[in-house]
Amino acid sequence: MASRSNTRFQKRLKELARAAKRREKEEKRKLRKAMRVSDGSGPPIEAIDPVDLGLPPLEEDTANPS
């Protein structure tokens, strides 16, 4: 009978370790998300010239053909 209670205790320790690991992972996710949102850094966004891609140039005044 003594080994059965020991097994229960070991199972409880495993459950506590899993819960702690889940909490740590969730905290890391929240931290990464907060850093990503607040930082705003990333690759700079540049306009691409269509001529560089071999396309015809854009017409600047297409909405007003007068």
N, C-alpha and C. Protein backbone atom coordinates (compact mmCIF):
# COMPACT_ATOMS: atom_id res chain seq x y z
N MET A 1 0.80 -1.19 0.00
CA MET A 1 0.00 0.00 0.00
C MET A 1 0.85 1.27 0.00
N ALA A 2 2.01 1.22 0.58
CA ALA A 2 2.85 2.41 0.67
C ALA A 2 3.31 2.87 -0.71
N SER A 3 3.52 1.93 -1.61
CA SER A 3 4.01 2.32 -2.93
C SER A 3 2.94 3.05 -3.73
N ARG A 4 1.68 2.77 -3.42
CA ARG A 4 0.60 3.42 -4.15
C ARG A 4 0.55 4.92 -3.84
N SER A 5 0.73 5.28 -2.60
CA SER A 5 0.70 6.70 -2.25
C SER A 5 1.92 7.42 -2.84
N ASN A 6 3.04 6.71 -2.89
CA ASN A 6 4.23 7.29 -3.50
C ASN A 6 3.98 7.56 -4.99
N THR A 7 3.27 6.66 -5.65
CA THR A 7 2.96 6.84 -7.06
C THR A 7 2.07 8.06 -7.24
N ARG A 8 1.11 8.21 -6.36
CA ARG A 8 0.22 9.37 -6.44
C ARG A 8 1.01 10.66 -6.25
N PHE A 9 1.94 10.64 -5.32
CA PHE A 9 2.76 11.82 -5.07
C PHE A 9 3.61 12.15 -6.30
N GLN A 10 4.20 11.13 -6.91
CA GLN A 10 5.00 11.35 -8.11
C GLN A 10 4.15 11.91 -9.25
N LYS A 11 2.94 11.38 -9.38
CA LYS A 11 2.04 11.88 -10.42
C LYS A 11 1.71 13.35 -10.16
N ARG A 12 1.47 13.68 -8.90
CA ARG A 12 1.17 15.07 -8.55
C ARG A 12 2.34 15.98 -8.88
N LEU A 13 3.56 15.52 -8.60
CA LEU A 13 4.75 16.31 -8.93
C LEU A 13 4.85 16.53 -10.44
N LYS A 14 4.56 15.51 -11.23
CA LYS A 14 4.59 15.65 -12.68
C LYS A 14 3.56 16.66 -13.16
N GLU A 15 2.35 16.59 -12.57
CA GLU A 15 1.30 17.53 -12.95
C GLU A 15 1.70 18.96 -12.62
N LEU A 16 2.31 19.17 -11.47
CA LEU A 16 2.76 20.50 -11.08
C LEU A 16 3.86 21.00 -12.02
N ALA A 17 4.77 20.11 -12.41
CA ALA A 17 5.84 20.50 -13.31
C ALA A 17 5.28 20.88 -14.68
N ARG A 18 4.30 20.12 -15.17
CA ARG A 18 3.67 20.44 -16.45
C ARG A 18 2.97 21.80 -16.40
N ALA A 19 2.26 22.05 -15.31
CA ALA A 19 1.55 23.32 -15.16
C ALA A 19 2.54 24.48 -15.11
N ALA A 20 3.64 24.30 -14.40
CA ALA A 20 4.65 25.36 -14.31
C ALA A 20 5.26 25.63 -15.69
N LYS A 21 5.51 24.57 -16.44
CA LYS A 21 6.08 24.74 -17.77
C LYS A 21 5.10 25.46 -18.69
N ARG A 22 3.81 25.13 -18.59
CA ARG A 22 2.79 25.82 -19.39
C ARG A 22 2.75 27.31 -19.05
N ARG A 23 2.82 27.63 -17.76
CA ARG A 23 2.81 29.04 -17.33
C ARG A 23 4.03 29.77 -17.88
N GLU A 24 5.21 29.15 -17.81
CA GLU A 24 6.43 29.78 -18.32
C GLU A 24 6.33 30.03 -19.82
N LYS A 25 5.82 29.05 -20.56
CA LYS A 25 5.69 29.21 -22.00
C LYS A 25 4.71 30.33 -22.35
N GLU A 26 3.62 30.40 -21.60
CA GLU A 26 2.63 31.46 -21.84
C GLU A 26 3.23 32.84 -21.55
N GLU A 27 4.02 32.95 -20.49
CA GLU A 27 4.67 34.21 -20.17
C GLU A 27 5.64 34.61 -21.27
N LYS A 28 6.39 33.65 -21.79
CA LYS A 28 7.33 33.93 -22.88
C LYS A 28 6.59 34.39 -24.13
N ARG A 29 5.45 33.74 -24.44
CA ARG A 29 4.66 34.14 -25.60
C ARG A 29 4.18 35.58 -25.46
N LYS A 30 3.68 35.91 -24.27
CA LYS A 30 3.18 37.27 -24.03
C LYS A 30 4.32 38.28 -24.14
N LEU A 31 5.48 37.94 -23.62
CA LEU A 31 6.63 38.83 -23.69
C LEU A 31 7.06 39.06 -25.14
N ARG A 32 7.13 37.98 -25.92
CA ARG A 32 7.52 38.12 -27.33
C ARG A 32 6.51 38.96 -28.09
N LYS A 33 5.22 38.75 -27.81
CA LYS A 33 4.18 39.52 -28.49
C LYS A 33 4.28 40.99 -28.11
N ALA A 34 4.50 41.27 -26.84
CA ALA A 34 4.63 42.66 -26.40
C ALA A 34 5.85 43.32 -27.04
N MET A 35 6.94 42.60 -27.14
CA MET A 35 8.14 43.15 -27.78
C MET A 35 7.89 43.43 -29.25
N ARG A 36 7.20 42.53 -29.92
CA ARG A 36 6.93 42.68 -31.34
C ARG A 36 6.02 43.88 -31.58
N VAL A 37 5.00 44.06 -30.75
CA VAL A 37 4.05 45.15 -30.93
C VAL A 37 4.68 46.49 -30.57
N SER A 38 5.39 46.56 -29.45
CA SER A 38 5.94 47.83 -28.98
C SER A 38 7.19 48.23 -29.76
N ASP A 39 7.94 47.27 -30.21
CA ASP A 39 9.21 47.56 -30.88
C ASP A 39 8.96 48.22 -32.23
N GLY A 40 8.14 47.62 -33.04
CA GLY A 40 7.83 48.17 -34.35
C GLY A 40 8.99 48.11 -35.32
N SER A 41 10.08 47.54 -34.90
CA SER A 41 11.21 47.47 -35.82
C SER A 41 11.05 46.24 -36.71
N GLY A 42 11.55 46.37 -37.84
CA GLY A 42 11.51 45.30 -38.81
C GLY A 42 12.21 45.78 -40.06
N PRO A 43 12.15 45.03 -41.09
CA PRO A 43 12.81 45.50 -42.30
C PRO A 43 12.11 46.75 -42.82
N PRO A 44 12.88 47.71 -43.29
CA PRO A 44 12.27 48.94 -43.80
C PRO A 44 11.45 48.65 -45.05
N ILE A 45 10.36 49.34 -45.18
CA ILE A 45 9.48 49.17 -46.33
C ILE A 45 9.84 50.24 -47.34
N GLU A 46 10.21 49.80 -48.51
CA GLU A 46 10.61 50.74 -49.56
C GLU A 46 9.68 50.56 -50.75
N ALA A 47 9.47 51.66 -51.45
CA ALA A 47 8.68 51.60 -52.67
C ALA A 47 9.53 50.97 -53.78
N ILE A 48 8.92 50.12 -54.55
CA ILE A 48 9.63 49.46 -55.65
C ILE A 48 9.23 50.14 -56.94
N ASP A 49 10.22 50.54 -57.69
CA ASP A 49 9.98 51.18 -58.98
C ASP A 49 9.60 50.10 -59.99
N PRO A 50 8.44 50.23 -60.66
CA PRO A 50 8.03 49.20 -61.62
C PRO A 50 9.00 49.06 -62.79
N VAL A 51 9.74 50.11 -63.10
CA VAL A 51 10.70 50.05 -64.20
C VAL A 51 11.82 49.07 -63.85
N ASP A 52 12.18 49.01 -62.56
CA ASP A 52 13.22 48.08 -62.13
C ASP A 52 12.79 46.63 -62.34
N LEU A 53 11.49 46.38 -62.32
CA LEU A 53 10.96 45.03 -62.51
C LEU A 53 10.65 44.73 -63.97
N GLY A 54 10.91 45.69 -64.85
CA GLY A 54 10.64 45.49 -66.26
C GLY A 54 9.19 45.77 -66.63
N LEU A 55 8.49 46.52 -65.80
CA LEU A 55 7.10 46.86 -66.06
C LEU A 55 7.03 48.29 -66.60
N PRO A 56 5.93 48.62 -67.29
CA PRO A 56 5.81 50.01 -67.76
C PRO A 56 5.64 50.94 -66.57
N PRO A 57 6.09 52.19 -66.70
CA PRO A 57 5.97 53.13 -65.59
C PRO A 57 4.51 53.41 -65.25
N LEU A 58 4.27 53.73 -63.99
CA LEU A 58 2.91 54.05 -63.54
C LEU A 58 2.51 55.42 -64.06
N GLU A 59 1.25 55.55 -64.42
CA GLU A 59 0.70 56.84 -64.80
C GLU A 59 0.27 57.55 -63.54
N GLU A 60 0.75 58.75 -63.32
CA GLU A 60 0.45 59.50 -62.11
C GLU A 60 -0.98 60.04 -62.11
N ASP A 61 -1.50 60.46 -63.27
CA ASP A 61 -2.79 61.13 -63.34
C ASP A 61 -3.80 60.27 -64.09
N THR A 62 -4.06 59.05 -63.60
CA THR A 62 -5.02 58.18 -64.28
C THR A 62 -6.44 58.45 -63.85
N ALA A 63 -6.64 59.03 -62.66
CA ALA A 63 -8.00 59.27 -62.17
C ALA A 63 -8.63 60.50 -62.80
N ASN A 64 -7.83 61.44 -63.27
CA ASN A 64 -8.33 62.69 -63.82
C ASN A 64 -7.79 62.87 -65.24
N PRO A 65 -8.43 62.31 -66.28
CA PRO A 65 -7.88 62.31 -67.63
C PRO A 65 -8.07 63.63 -68.39
N SER A 66 -8.29 64.76 -67.77
CA SER A 66 -8.50 66.00 -68.49
C SER A 66 -7.28 66.64 -68.97
